[in-house]
Amino acid sequence: MVQCRTQCSANAMPVTAIPAPFTDPGEKGMLRRLPDQKTHENQNTDKIREDAMTPELTILAWNAVLLIVMIMASANANLMAMGMAWGIGNRDEPATVTGWGARARRAYLNQLENLLIFAVFVVVAHLANVHSSLTVLGAQLFLIARLVYAVLYIGGVSVLGVRTAAYFVGLVGTLMIAYAVLTASPVPAA
């Protein structure tokens, strides 16, 4: 039993100290634990709050915005190629778009595929409270690379494999977060 000796009234009831299952002394900054609500342990430490919007989650949200913009570009190309009657109709025949419209569709499908994998690792990192400069940098790389990739792909730029390089930079960003998650110390079984 631990007695609370600070910030408590004189009649404080003893509370049981809860072990810190999410701390990892070997990797400072890799794993963080929320402050214990039953004791004053860790009250003044630099921890991520449960309701905090982490940089990784913010970047995930911006990637979703990018996906919406890319879907709108593809839909606009479909309407331009097929007409408004096709757009508001049953669309029994698929849109036949070429040029930038076809590239816009392929770019948004590629973003959708990559965003799924990225989102899984960002959400797992958030749920496991794995936040570090590595995860933030990985998320930043992913967002910037995916934005560059979309612009280059839709714009038809294929010089010197720059679009492919942007794709791989985004993949590296995802793998950085995956590494942080997969190498984090597991919580001991109860």
Protein backbone atom coordinates (compact mmCIF):
# COMPACT_ATOMS: atom_id res chain seq x y z
CA MET A 1 0.00 0.00 0.00
CA VAL A 2 1.19 3.49 -0.81
CA GLN A 3 0.10 6.54 1.11
CA CYS A 4 -0.43 9.69 -0.92
CA ARG A 5 1.62 12.42 0.75
CA THR A 6 1.29 15.28 -1.74
CA GLN A 7 -1.71 17.21 -2.97
CA CYS A 8 -4.05 15.15 -0.80
CA SER A 9 -6.11 15.95 2.24
CA ALA A 10 -4.99 14.85 5.68
CA ASN A 11 -7.62 12.10 5.65
CA ALA A 12 -6.32 10.46 2.48
CA MET A 13 -7.19 6.82 2.12
CA PRO A 14 -4.32 4.51 1.26
CA VAL A 15 -4.31 3.37 -2.36
CA THR A 16 -2.63 0.43 -3.97
CA ALA A 17 0.29 1.23 -6.26
CA ILE A 18 -0.32 -0.09 -9.73
CA PRO A 19 2.68 -1.49 -11.61
CA ALA A 20 3.84 0.37 -14.70
CA PRO A 21 3.35 -2.21 -17.47
CA PHE A 22 4.00 0.15 -20.37
CA THR A 23 7.28 1.68 -19.29
CA ASP A 24 10.49 0.52 -20.91
CA PRO A 25 13.59 1.78 -19.14
CA GLY A 26 15.88 0.51 -21.92
CA GLU A 27 14.28 2.56 -24.68
CA LYS A 28 13.57 5.99 -23.23
CA GLY A 29 10.94 7.70 -25.29
CA MET A 30 9.88 4.61 -27.23
CA LEU A 31 7.11 3.50 -24.91
CA ARG A 32 5.09 5.84 -22.80
CA ARG A 33 2.48 5.13 -20.19
CA LEU A 34 -0.38 7.31 -19.11
CA PRO A 35 -0.07 8.75 -15.61
CA ASP A 36 -1.57 6.49 -12.99
CA GLN A 37 -4.93 7.96 -11.99
CA LYS A 38 -5.06 6.29 -8.55
CA THR A 39 -1.76 7.66 -7.29
CA HIS A 40 0.17 10.82 -7.95
CA GLU A 41 2.90 8.81 -9.60
CA ASN A 42 4.08 10.34 -12.88
CA GLN A 43 1.82 13.39 -12.53
CA ASN A 44 4.46 15.83 -13.75
CA THR A 45 6.06 13.73 -16.47
CA ASP A 46 5.98 14.27 -20.21
CA LYS A 47 3.42 11.63 -21.19
CA ILE A 48 0.90 11.46 -23.99
CA ARG A 49 -2.61 12.05 -22.65
CA GLU A 50 -5.26 9.48 -23.46
CA ASP A 51 -7.32 12.07 -25.33
CA ALA A 52 -4.34 13.71 -27.06
CA MET A 53 -4.19 13.96 -30.82
CA THR A 54 -0.67 12.72 -31.49
CA PRO A 55 1.32 13.97 -34.48
CA GLU A 56 0.99 10.52 -36.05
CA LEU A 57 -2.83 10.61 -35.79
CA THR A 58 -2.92 14.16 -37.15
CA ILE A 59 -0.84 13.08 -40.14
CA LEU A 60 -3.13 10.07 -40.62
CA ALA A 61 -6.09 12.47 -40.77
CA TRP A 62 -4.30 14.66 -43.34
CA ASN A 63 -3.64 11.56 -45.44
CA ALA A 64 -7.37 10.86 -45.39
CA VAL A 65 -7.96 14.43 -46.61
CA LEU A 66 -5.45 13.82 -49.41
CA LEU A 67 -7.35 10.65 -50.35
CA ILE A 68 -10.64 12.58 -50.51
CA VAL A 69 -9.07 15.19 -52.81
CA MET A 70 -7.68 12.44 -55.04
CA ILE A 71 -11.08 10.71 -55.23
CA MET A 72 -12.69 14.03 -56.18
CA ALA A 73 -10.10 14.55 -58.94
CA SER A 74 -10.83 11.07 -60.32
CA ALA A 75 -14.59 11.62 -60.13
CA ASN A 76 -14.22 14.96 -61.90
CA ALA A 77 -12.27 13.26 -64.71
CA ASN A 78 -15.03 10.64 -65.01
CA LEU A 79 -17.70 13.34 -65.32
CA MET A 80 -15.67 15.25 -67.89
CA ALA A 81 -15.21 12.11 -69.99
CA MET A 82 -18.67 10.58 -69.64
CA GLY A 83 -20.94 13.56 -69.03
CA MET A 84 -23.32 14.56 -66.25
CA ALA A 85 -26.05 12.16 -67.41
CA TRP A 86 -23.66 9.26 -66.83
CA GLY A 87 -22.63 10.73 -63.46
CA ILE A 88 -26.17 10.97 -62.08
CA GLY A 89 -27.37 7.81 -63.82
CA ASN A 90 -26.95 4.14 -62.94
CA ARG A 91 -23.48 3.99 -64.54
CA ASP A 92 -24.09 0.61 -66.10
CA GLU A 93 -21.02 1.10 -68.25
CA PRO A 94 -17.71 1.93 -66.55
CA ALA A 95 -16.08 5.26 -67.24
CA THR A 96 -13.56 5.21 -70.03
CA VAL A 97 -11.05 7.88 -69.15
CA THR A 98 -7.55 8.34 -70.46
CA GLY A 99 -4.67 10.66 -69.73
CA TRP A 100 -4.70 12.51 -66.44
CA GLY A 101 -8.11 11.07 -65.48
CA ALA A 102 -6.86 7.50 -65.71
CA ARG A 103 -3.73 8.47 -63.78
CA ALA A 104 -5.88 10.18 -61.12
CA ARG A 105 -7.81 6.94 -60.62
CA ARG A 106 -4.66 4.83 -60.38
CA ALA A 107 -3.09 7.37 -58.00
CA TYR A 108 -6.06 7.37 -55.62
CA LEU A 109 -6.26 3.57 -55.65
CA ASN A 110 -2.55 3.44 -54.84
CA GLN A 111 -3.08 5.95 -52.01
CA LEU A 112 -5.94 3.85 -50.67
CA GLU A 113 -3.81 0.69 -50.63
CA ASN A 114 -0.87 2.38 -48.93
CA LEU A 115 -3.01 4.34 -46.49
CA LEU A 116 -4.54 1.12 -45.17
CA ILE A 117 -1.15 -0.30 -44.17
CA PHE A 118 0.03 3.05 -42.79
CA ALA A 119 -3.19 3.47 -40.76
CA VAL A 120 -2.86 0.02 -39.19
CA PHE A 121 0.60 0.80 -37.84
CA VAL A 122 -0.33 4.34 -36.71
CA VAL A 123 -3.40 3.07 -34.83
CA VAL A 124 -1.47 0.18 -33.25
CA ALA A 125 1.28 2.63 -32.21
CA HIS A 126 -1.34 4.90 -30.67
CA LEU A 127 -3.13 2.10 -28.83
CA ALA A 128 0.17 0.72 -27.52
CA ASN A 129 1.29 4.25 -26.64
CA VAL A 130 4.39 3.95 -28.82
CA HIS A 131 5.39 7.50 -29.71
CA SER A 132 8.89 8.64 -30.56
CA SER A 133 10.81 10.83 -32.94
CA LEU A 134 11.07 7.76 -35.18
CA THR A 135 7.29 7.35 -35.46
CA VAL A 136 6.73 11.07 -36.02
CA LEU A 137 9.43 11.23 -38.71
CA GLY A 138 8.00 8.12 -40.37
CA ALA A 139 4.54 9.69 -40.47
CA GLN A 140 5.91 12.98 -41.82
CA LEU A 141 7.84 11.17 -44.54
CA PHE A 142 4.73 9.22 -45.50
CA LEU A 143 2.55 12.32 -45.86
CA ILE A 144 5.08 14.35 -47.83
CA ALA A 145 5.98 11.42 -50.08
CA ARG A 146 2.34 10.57 -50.79
CA LEU A 147 1.57 14.19 -51.66
CA VAL A 148 4.55 14.36 -54.03
CA TYR A 149 3.61 10.97 -55.49
CA ALA A 150 0.03 12.11 -56.20
CA VAL A 151 1.10 15.34 -57.88
CA LEU A 152 3.73 13.59 -60.01
CA TYR A 153 1.46 10.70 -60.98
CA ILE A 154 -1.58 12.79 -61.90
CA GLY A 155 0.68 15.31 -63.65
CA GLY A 156 2.22 12.54 -65.75
CA VAL A 157 5.79 13.16 -64.57
CA SER A 158 7.86 10.02 -64.97
CA VAL A 159 11.33 11.50 -65.48
CA LEU A 160 14.24 9.75 -63.75
CA GLY A 161 11.97 7.55 -61.64
CA VAL A 162 11.13 10.43 -59.32
CA ARG A 163 7.58 9.14 -58.78
CA THR A 164 8.92 5.71 -57.88
CA ALA A 165 11.37 7.33 -55.46
CA ALA A 166 8.48 9.20 -53.80
CA TYR A 167 6.61 5.91 -53.46
CA PHE A 168 9.57 4.26 -51.73
CA VAL A 169 10.09 7.23 -49.38
CA GLY A 170 6.47 6.78 -48.27
CA LEU A 171 7.05 3.07 -47.82
CA VAL A 172 10.14 3.77 -45.70
CA GLY A 173 8.01 6.08 -43.52
CA THR A 174 5.52 3.28 -42.96
CA LEU A 175 8.31 0.81 -42.20
CA MET A 176 9.79 3.21 -39.62
CA ILE A 177 6.52 3.18 -37.68
CA ALA A 178 6.23 -0.59 -38.15
CA TYR A 179 9.73 -1.04 -36.71
CA ALA A 180 8.89 1.09 -33.65
CA VAL A 181 5.70 -0.89 -33.04
CA LEU A 182 7.17 -4.34 -33.62
CA THR A 183 10.27 -3.75 -31.48
CA ALA A 184 8.39 -2.23 -28.55
CA SER A 185 8.53 -4.24 -25.36
CA PRO A 186 5.38 -6.29 -24.93
CA VAL A 187 3.20 -5.86 -21.88
CA PRO A 188 3.81 -8.77 -19.48
CA ALA A 189 0.91 -11.20 -19.18
CA ALA A 190 -1.12 -10.85 -16.01
